PDB file of all heavy atoms in Angstrom:
ATOM      1  N   ILE A   1       9.551  -9.316 -20.307  1.00  0.00           N
ATOM      2  CA  ILE A   1       8.504 -10.315 -20.503  1.00  0.00           C
ATOM      3  C   ILE A   1       9.077 -11.473 -21.315  1.00  0.00           C
ATOM      4  O   ILE A   1       9.675 -11.242 -22.375  1.00  0.00           O
ATOM      5  CB  ILE A   1       7.296  -9.698 -21.233  1.00  0.00           C
ATOM      6  CG1 ILE A   1       6.637  -8.616 -20.351  1.00  0.00           C
ATOM      7  CG2 ILE A   1       6.270 -10.767 -21.581  1.00  0.00           C
ATOM      8  CD1 ILE A   1       5.492  -7.887 -21.019  1.00  0.00           C
ATOM      9  N   PRO A   2       8.946 -12.693 -20.836  1.00  0.00           N
ATOM     10  CA  PRO A   2       9.482 -13.844 -21.582  1.00  0.00           C
ATOM     11  C   PRO A   2       8.930 -13.903 -23.002  1.00  0.00           C
ATOM     12  O   PRO A   2       7.754 -13.594 -23.243  1.00  0.00           O
ATOM     13  CB  PRO A   2       9.027 -15.048 -20.749  1.00  0.00           C
ATOM     14  CG  PRO A   2       8.835 -14.510 -19.363  1.00  0.00           C
ATOM     15  CD  PRO A   2       8.339 -13.105 -19.551  1.00  0.00           C
ATOM     16  N   ASP A   3       9.777 -14.299 -23.929  1.00  0.00           N
ATOM     17  CA  ASP A   3       9.379 -14.329 -25.332  1.00  0.00           C
ATOM     18  C   ASP A   3       8.257 -15.314 -25.614  1.00  0.00           C
ATOM     19  O   ASP A   3       7.550 -15.184 -26.615  1.00  0.00           O
ATOM     20  CB  ASP A   3      10.588 -14.669 -26.214  1.00  0.00           C
ATOM     21  CG  ASP A   3      11.602 -13.530 -26.261  1.00  0.00           C
ATOM     22  OD1 ASP A   3      11.218 -12.383 -25.928  1.00  0.00           O
ATOM     23  OD2 ASP A   3      12.765 -13.780 -26.624  1.00  0.00           O
ATOM     24  N   ASP A   4       8.092 -16.312 -24.739  1.00  0.00           N
ATOM     25  CA  ASP A   4       7.047 -17.309 -24.997  1.00  0.00           C
ATOM     26  C   ASP A   4       5.680 -16.930 -24.420  1.00  0.00           C
ATOM     27  O   ASP A   4       4.727 -17.695 -24.530  1.00  0.00           O
ATOM     28  CB  ASP A   4       7.463 -18.683 -24.468  1.00  0.00           C
ATOM     29  CG  ASP A   4       7.721 -18.692 -22.964  1.00  0.00           C
ATOM     30  OD1 ASP A   4       7.563 -17.634 -22.317  1.00  0.00           O
ATOM     31  OD2 ASP A   4       8.087 -19.762 -22.429  1.00  0.00           O
ATOM     32  N   PHE A   5       5.586 -15.725 -23.820  1.00  0.00           N
ATOM     33  CA  PHE A   5       4.282 -15.273 -23.322  1.00  0.00           C
ATOM     34  C   PHE A   5       3.395 -14.931 -24.517  1.00  0.00           C
ATOM     35  O   PHE A   5       3.775 -14.148 -25.387  1.00  0.00           O
ATOM     36  CB  PHE A   5       4.434 -14.052 -22.418  1.00  0.00           C
ATOM     37  CG  PHE A   5       3.121 -13.502 -21.923  1.00  0.00           C
ATOM     38  CD1 PHE A   5       2.498 -14.055 -20.816  1.00  0.00           C
ATOM     39  CD2 PHE A   5       2.499 -12.437 -22.573  1.00  0.00           C
ATOM     40  CE1 PHE A   5       1.287 -13.560 -20.358  1.00  0.00           C
ATOM     41  CE2 PHE A   5       1.289 -11.933 -22.123  1.00  0.00           C
ATOM     42  CZ  PHE A   5       0.685 -12.503 -21.007  1.00  0.00           C
ATOM     43  N   GLU A   6       2.194 -15.478 -24.546  1.00  0.00           N
ATOM     44  CA  GLU A   6       1.279 -15.247 -25.662  1.00  0.00           C
ATOM     45  C   GLU A   6       0.164 -14.294 -25.249  1.00  0.00           C
ATOM     46  O   GLU A   6      -0.565 -14.548 -24.301  1.00  0.00           O
ATOM     47  CB  GLU A   6       0.668 -16.571 -26.130  1.00  0.00           C
ATOM     48  CG  GLU A   6      -0.217 -16.423 -27.356  1.00  0.00           C
ATOM     49  CD  GLU A   6      -0.759 -17.748 -27.853  1.00  0.00           C
ATOM     50  OE1 GLU A   6      -0.342 -18.799 -27.328  1.00  0.00           O
ATOM     51  OE2 GLU A   6      -1.605 -17.721 -28.768  1.00  0.00           O
ATOM     52  N   SER A   7       0.054 -13.196 -25.971  1.00  0.00           N
ATOM     53  CA  SER A   7      -0.981 -12.210 -25.667  1.00  0.00           C
ATOM     54  C   SER A   7      -2.356 -12.715 -26.081  1.00  0.00           C
ATOM     55  O   SER A   7      -2.523 -13.303 -27.147  1.00  0.00           O
ATOM     56  CB  SER A   7      -0.680 -10.900 -26.395  1.00  0.00           C
ATOM     57  OG  SER A   7      -1.722  -9.970 -26.209  1.00  0.00           O
ATOM     58  N   LYS A   8      -3.351 -12.454 -25.226  1.00  0.00           N
ATOM     59  CA  LYS A   8      -4.734 -12.811 -25.512  1.00  0.00           C
ATOM     60  C   LYS A   8      -5.668 -11.628 -25.267  1.00  0.00           C
ATOM     61  O   LYS A   8      -6.853 -11.800 -24.989  1.00  0.00           O
ATOM     62  CB  LYS A   8      -5.161 -14.003 -24.647  1.00  0.00           C
ATOM     63  CG  LYS A   8      -4.337 -15.262 -24.871  1.00  0.00           C
ATOM     64  CD  LYS A   8      -4.759 -16.379 -23.928  1.00  0.00           C
ATOM     65  CE  LYS A   8      -3.912 -17.630 -24.133  1.00  0.00           C
ATOM     66  NZ  LYS A   8      -4.280 -18.713 -23.177  1.00  0.00           N
ATOM     67  N   ALA A   9      -5.130 -10.420 -25.382  1.00  0.00           N
ATOM     68  CA  ALA A   9      -5.896  -9.221 -25.052  1.00  0.00           C
ATOM     69  C   ALA A   9      -7.048  -8.997 -26.021  1.00  0.00           C
ATOM     70  O   ALA A   9      -6.937  -9.270 -27.216  1.00  0.00           O
ATOM     71  CB  ALA A   9      -4.982  -8.006 -25.048  1.00  0.00           C
ATOM     72  N   ASP A  10      -8.146  -8.465 -25.486  1.00  0.00           N
ATOM     73  CA  ASP A  10      -9.314  -8.138 -26.299  1.00  0.00           C
ATOM     74  C   ASP A  10      -9.500  -6.632 -26.485  1.00  0.00           C
ATOM     75  O   ASP A  10     -10.417  -6.205 -27.168  1.00  0.00           O
ATOM     76  CB  ASP A  10     -10.585  -8.712 -25.657  1.00  0.00           C
ATOM     77  CG  ASP A  10     -10.679 -10.220 -25.824  1.00  0.00           C
ATOM     78  OD1 ASP A  10     -10.113 -10.739 -26.805  1.00  0.00           O
ATOM     79  OD2 ASP A  10     -11.307 -10.871 -24.975  1.00  0.00           O
ATOM     80  N   GLU A  11      -8.642  -5.834 -25.850  1.00  0.00           N
ATOM     81  CA  GLU A  11      -8.710  -4.384 -26.005  1.00  0.00           C
ATOM     82  C   GLU A  11      -7.359  -3.795 -25.633  1.00  0.00           C
ATOM     83  O   GLU A  11      -6.447  -4.514 -25.210  1.00  0.00           O
ATOM     84  CB  GLU A  11      -9.832  -3.792 -25.138  1.00  0.00           C
ATOM     85  CG  GLU A  11      -9.711  -4.105 -23.650  1.00  0.00           C
ATOM     86  CD  GLU A  11     -10.792  -3.420 -22.819  1.00  0.00           C
ATOM     87  OE1 GLU A  11     -10.928  -2.188 -22.957  1.00  0.00           O
ATOM     88  OE2 GLU A  11     -11.478  -4.113 -22.043  1.00  0.00           O
ATOM     89  N   VAL A  12      -7.217  -2.482 -25.812  1.00  0.00           N
ATOM     90  CA  VAL A  12      -5.935  -1.828 -25.566  1.00  0.00           C
ATOM     91  C   VAL A  12      -5.461  -2.098 -24.142  1.00  0.00           C
ATOM     92  O   VAL A  12      -4.338  -2.531 -23.915  1.00  0.00           O
ATOM     93  CB  VAL A  12      -6.037  -0.304 -25.804  1.00  0.00           C
ATOM     94  CG1 VAL A  12      -4.687   0.362 -25.590  1.00  0.00           C
ATOM     95  CG2 VAL A  12      -6.551  -0.018 -27.200  1.00  0.00           C
ATOM     96  N   PHE A  13      -6.313  -1.835 -23.169  1.00  0.00           N
ATOM     97  CA  PHE A  13      -6.033  -2.144 -21.770  1.00  0.00           C
ATOM     98  C   PHE A  13      -7.073  -3.156 -21.303  1.00  0.00           C
ATOM     99  O   PHE A  13      -8.197  -2.797 -20.961  1.00  0.00           O
ATOM    100  CB  PHE A  13      -6.054  -0.871 -20.913  1.00  0.00           C
ATOM    101  CG  PHE A  13      -4.879   0.032 -21.147  1.00  0.00           C
ATOM    102  CD1 PHE A  13      -4.886   0.934 -22.206  1.00  0.00           C
ATOM    103  CD2 PHE A  13      -3.758  -0.030 -20.341  1.00  0.00           C
ATOM    104  CE1 PHE A  13      -3.803   1.760 -22.445  1.00  0.00           C
ATOM    105  CE2 PHE A  13      -2.661   0.792 -20.573  1.00  0.00           C
ATOM    106  CZ  PHE A  13      -2.679   1.686 -21.627  1.00  0.00           C
ATOM    107  N   ASP A  14      -6.674  -4.413 -21.324  1.00  0.00           N
ATOM    108  CA  ASP A  14      -7.561  -5.530 -21.007  1.00  0.00           C
ATOM    109  C   ASP A  14      -7.223  -6.029 -19.603  1.00  0.00           C
ATOM    110  O   ASP A  14      -6.135  -6.575 -19.385  1.00  0.00           O
ATOM    111  CB  ASP A  14      -7.353  -6.640 -22.036  1.00  0.00           C
ATOM    112  CG  ASP A  14      -8.286  -7.830 -21.827  1.00  0.00           C
ATOM    113  OD1 ASP A  14      -8.760  -8.025 -20.696  1.00  0.00           O
ATOM    114  OD2 ASP A  14      -8.531  -8.557 -22.800  1.00  0.00           O
ATOM    115  N   PRO A  15      -8.126  -5.862 -18.622  1.00  0.00           N
ATOM    116  CA  PRO A  15      -7.819  -6.261 -17.239  1.00  0.00           C
ATOM    117  C   PRO A  15      -7.429  -7.728 -17.093  1.00  0.00           C
ATOM    118  O   PRO A  15      -6.548  -8.052 -16.286  1.00  0.00           O
ATOM    119  CB  PRO A  15      -9.119  -5.964 -16.487  1.00  0.00           C
ATOM    120  CG  PRO A  15      -9.853  -4.993 -17.318  1.00  0.00           C
ATOM    121  CD  PRO A  15      -9.467  -5.269 -18.728  1.00  0.00           C
ATOM    122  N   GLU A  16      -8.050  -8.605 -17.865  1.00  0.00           N
ATOM    123  CA  GLU A  16      -7.721 -10.023 -17.754  1.00  0.00           C
ATOM    124  C   GLU A  16      -6.306 -10.295 -18.255  1.00  0.00           C
ATOM    125  O   GLU A  16      -5.548 -11.057 -17.647  1.00  0.00           O
ATOM    126  CB  GLU A  16      -8.738 -10.867 -18.534  1.00  0.00           C
ATOM    127  CG  GLU A  16     -10.143 -10.825 -17.962  1.00  0.00           C
ATOM    128  CD  GLU A  16     -10.175 -11.223 -16.490  1.00  0.00           C
ATOM    129  OE1 GLU A  16      -9.523 -12.231 -16.125  1.00  0.00           O
ATOM    130  OE2 GLU A  16     -10.825 -10.510 -15.695  1.00  0.00           O
ATOM    131  N   GLU A  17      -5.957  -9.669 -19.366  1.00  0.00           N
ATOM    132  CA  GLU A  17      -4.595  -9.800 -19.880  1.00  0.00           C
ATOM    133  C   GLU A  17      -3.588  -9.200 -18.908  1.00  0.00           C
ATOM    134  O   GLU A  17      -2.516  -9.776 -18.657  1.00  0.00           O
ATOM    135  CB  GLU A  17      -4.486  -9.090 -21.234  1.00  0.00           C
ATOM    136  CG  GLU A  17      -3.089  -9.055 -21.825  1.00  0.00           C
ATOM    137  CD  GLU A  17      -2.715 -10.349 -22.523  1.00  0.00           C
ATOM    138  OE1 GLU A  17      -3.431 -11.352 -22.342  1.00  0.00           O
ATOM    139  OE2 GLU A  17      -1.703 -10.360 -23.244  1.00  0.00           O
ATOM    140  N   MET A  18      -3.924  -8.065 -18.324  1.00  0.00           N
ATOM    141  CA  MET A  18      -3.017  -7.407 -17.387  1.00  0.00           C
ATOM    142  C   MET A  18      -2.849  -8.230 -16.105  1.00  0.00           C
ATOM    143  O   MET A  18      -1.764  -8.267 -15.517  1.00  0.00           O
ATOM    144  CB  MET A  18      -3.517  -5.997 -17.094  1.00  0.00           C
ATOM    145  CG  MET A  18      -3.428  -5.082 -18.324  1.00  0.00           C
ATOM    146  SD  MET A  18      -4.371  -3.546 -18.178  1.00  0.00           S
ATOM    147  CE  MET A  18      -3.356  -2.630 -17.019  1.00  0.00           C
ATOM    148  N   LYS A  19      -3.907  -8.923 -15.693  1.00  0.00           N
ATOM    149  CA  LYS A  19      -3.785  -9.826 -14.540  1.00  0.00           C
ATOM    150  C   LYS A  19      -2.814 -10.962 -14.850  1.00  0.00           C
ATOM    151  O   LYS A  19      -2.014 -11.368 -13.993  1.00  0.00           O
ATOM    152  CB  LYS A  19      -5.156 -10.381 -14.160  1.00  0.00           C
ATOM    153  CG  LYS A  19      -6.072  -9.381 -13.470  1.00  0.00           C
ATOM    154  CD  LYS A  19      -7.463  -9.972 -13.235  1.00  0.00           C
ATOM    155  CE  LYS A  19      -8.413  -8.930 -12.660  1.00  0.00           C
ATOM    156  NZ  LYS A  19      -9.792  -9.447 -12.535  1.00  0.00           N
ATOM    157  N   ARG A  20      -2.888 -11.495 -16.072  1.00  0.00           N
ATOM    158  CA  ARG A  20      -1.961 -12.559 -16.470  1.00  0.00           C
ATOM    159  C   ARG A  20      -0.520 -12.064 -16.438  1.00  0.00           C
ATOM    160  O   ARG A  20       0.385 -12.761 -15.958  1.00  0.00           O
ATOM    161  CB  ARG A  20      -2.296 -13.060 -17.877  1.00  0.00           C
ATOM    162  CG  ARG A  20      -3.608 -13.819 -17.989  1.00  0.00           C
ATOM    163  CD  ARG A  20      -3.860 -14.255 -19.441  1.00  0.00           C
ATOM    164  NE  ARG A  20      -2.826 -15.161 -19.901  1.00  0.00           N
ATOM    165  CZ  ARG A  20      -2.150 -15.022 -21.038  1.00  0.00           C
ATOM    166  NH1 ARG A  20      -2.395 -13.983 -21.833  1.00  0.00           N
ATOM    167  NH2 ARG A  20      -1.233 -15.901 -21.383  1.00  0.00           N
ATOM    168  N   LEU A  21      -0.305 -10.856 -16.940  1.00  0.00           N
ATOM    169  CA  LEU A  21       1.034 -10.276 -16.925  1.00  0.00           C
ATOM    170  C   LEU A  21       1.497  -9.995 -15.502  1.00  0.00           C
ATOM    171  O   LEU A  21       2.661 -10.217 -15.156  1.00  0.00           O
ATOM    172  CB  LEU A  21       1.058  -8.988 -17.753  1.00  0.00           C
ATOM    173  CG  LEU A  21       1.123  -9.161 -19.268  1.00  0.00           C
ATOM    174  CD1 LEU A  21       0.784  -7.855 -19.972  1.00  0.00           C
ATOM    175  CD2 LEU A  21       2.509  -9.648 -19.685  1.00  0.00           C
ATOM    176  N   PHE A  22       0.585  -9.481 -14.673  1.00  0.00           N
ATOM    177  CA  PHE A  22       0.924  -9.209 -13.283  1.00  0.00           C
ATOM    178  C   PHE A  22       1.327 -10.500 -12.573  1.00  0.00           C
ATOM    179  O   PHE A  22       2.343 -10.540 -11.866  1.00  0.00           O
ATOM    180  CB  PHE A  22      -0.261  -8.558 -12.562  1.00  0.00           C
ATOM    181  CG  PHE A  22       0.010  -8.242 -11.111  1.00  0.00           C
ATOM    182  CD1 PHE A  22       0.523  -7.007 -10.749  1.00  0.00           C
ATOM    183  CD2 PHE A  22      -0.237  -9.180 -10.122  1.00  0.00           C
ATOM    184  CE1 PHE A  22       0.791  -6.717  -9.410  1.00  0.00           C
ATOM    185  CE2 PHE A  22       0.017  -8.901  -8.779  1.00  0.00           C
ATOM    186  CZ  PHE A  22       0.532  -7.661  -8.429  1.00  0.00           C
ATOM    187  N   GLU A  23       0.543 -11.539 -12.758  1.00  0.00           N
ATOM    188  CA  GLU A  23       0.832 -12.822 -12.097  1.00  0.00           C
ATOM    189  C   GLU A  23       2.157 -13.413 -12.578  1.00  0.00           C
ATOM    190  O   GLU A  23       2.910 -13.996 -11.795  1.00  0.00           O
ATOM    191  CB  GLU A  23      -0.318 -13.787 -12.342  1.00  0.00           C
ATOM    192  CG  GLU A  23      -1.595 -13.401 -11.585  1.00  0.00           C
ATOM    193  CD  GLU A  23      -2.826 -14.134 -12.078  1.00  0.00           C
ATOM    194  OE1 GLU A  23      -2.678 -14.962 -13.012  1.00  0.00           O
ATOM    195  OE2 GLU A  23      -3.922 -13.882 -11.538  1.00  0.00           O
ATOM    196  N   LEU A  24       2.445 -13.243 -13.876  1.00  0.00           N
ATOM    197  CA  LEU A  24       3.728 -13.701 -14.410  1.00  0.00           C
ATOM    198  C   LEU A  24       4.872 -12.943 -13.752  1.00  0.00           C
ATOM    199  O   LEU A  24       5.859 -13.543 -13.297  1.00  0.00           O
ATOM    200  CB  LEU A  24       3.755 -13.512 -15.920  1.00  0.00           C
ATOM    201  CG  LEU A  24       5.082 -13.800 -16.630  1.00  0.00           C
ATOM    202  CD1 LEU A  24       5.490 -15.251 -16.445  1.00  0.00           C
ATOM    203  CD2 LEU A  24       4.981 -13.445 -18.111  1.00  0.00           C
ATOM    204  N   GLY A  25       4.749 -11.608 -13.707  1.00  0.00           N
ATOM    205  CA  GLY A  25       5.779 -10.798 -13.069  1.00  0.00           C
ATOM    206  C   GLY A  25       5.936 -11.135 -11.598  1.00  0.00           C
ATOM    207  O   GLY A  25       7.053 -11.209 -11.068  1.00  0.00           O
ATOM    208  N   TYR A  26       4.792 -11.359 -10.925  1.00  0.00           N
ATOM    209  CA  TYR A  26       4.821 -11.691  -9.496  1.00  0.00           C
ATOM    210  C   TYR A  26       5.602 -12.987  -9.257  1.00  0.00           C
ATOM    211  O   TYR A  26       6.441 -13.064  -8.352  1.00  0.00           O
ATOM    212  CB  TYR A  26       3.401 -11.827  -8.963  1.00  0.00           C
ATOM    213  CG  TYR A  26       3.324 -12.034  -7.467  1.00  0.00           C
ATOM    214  CD1 TYR A  26       3.174 -10.946  -6.603  1.00  0.00           C
ATOM    215  CD2 TYR A  26       3.404 -13.307  -6.910  1.00  0.00           C
ATOM    216  CE1 TYR A  26       3.112 -11.127  -5.233  1.00  0.00           C
ATOM    217  CE2 TYR A  26       3.347 -13.503  -5.551  1.00  0.00           C
ATOM    218  CZ  TYR A  26       3.199 -12.406  -4.709  1.00  0.00           C
ATOM    219  OH  TYR A  26       3.148 -12.595  -3.350  1.00  0.00           O
TER     220      TYR A  26
END
């Protein structure tokens, strides 16, 4: 994960945050 990615999670497993990570990886 790039060092400049900023987490915005609201819970341990946050679907919106995970979508952002998925899209970044994609």
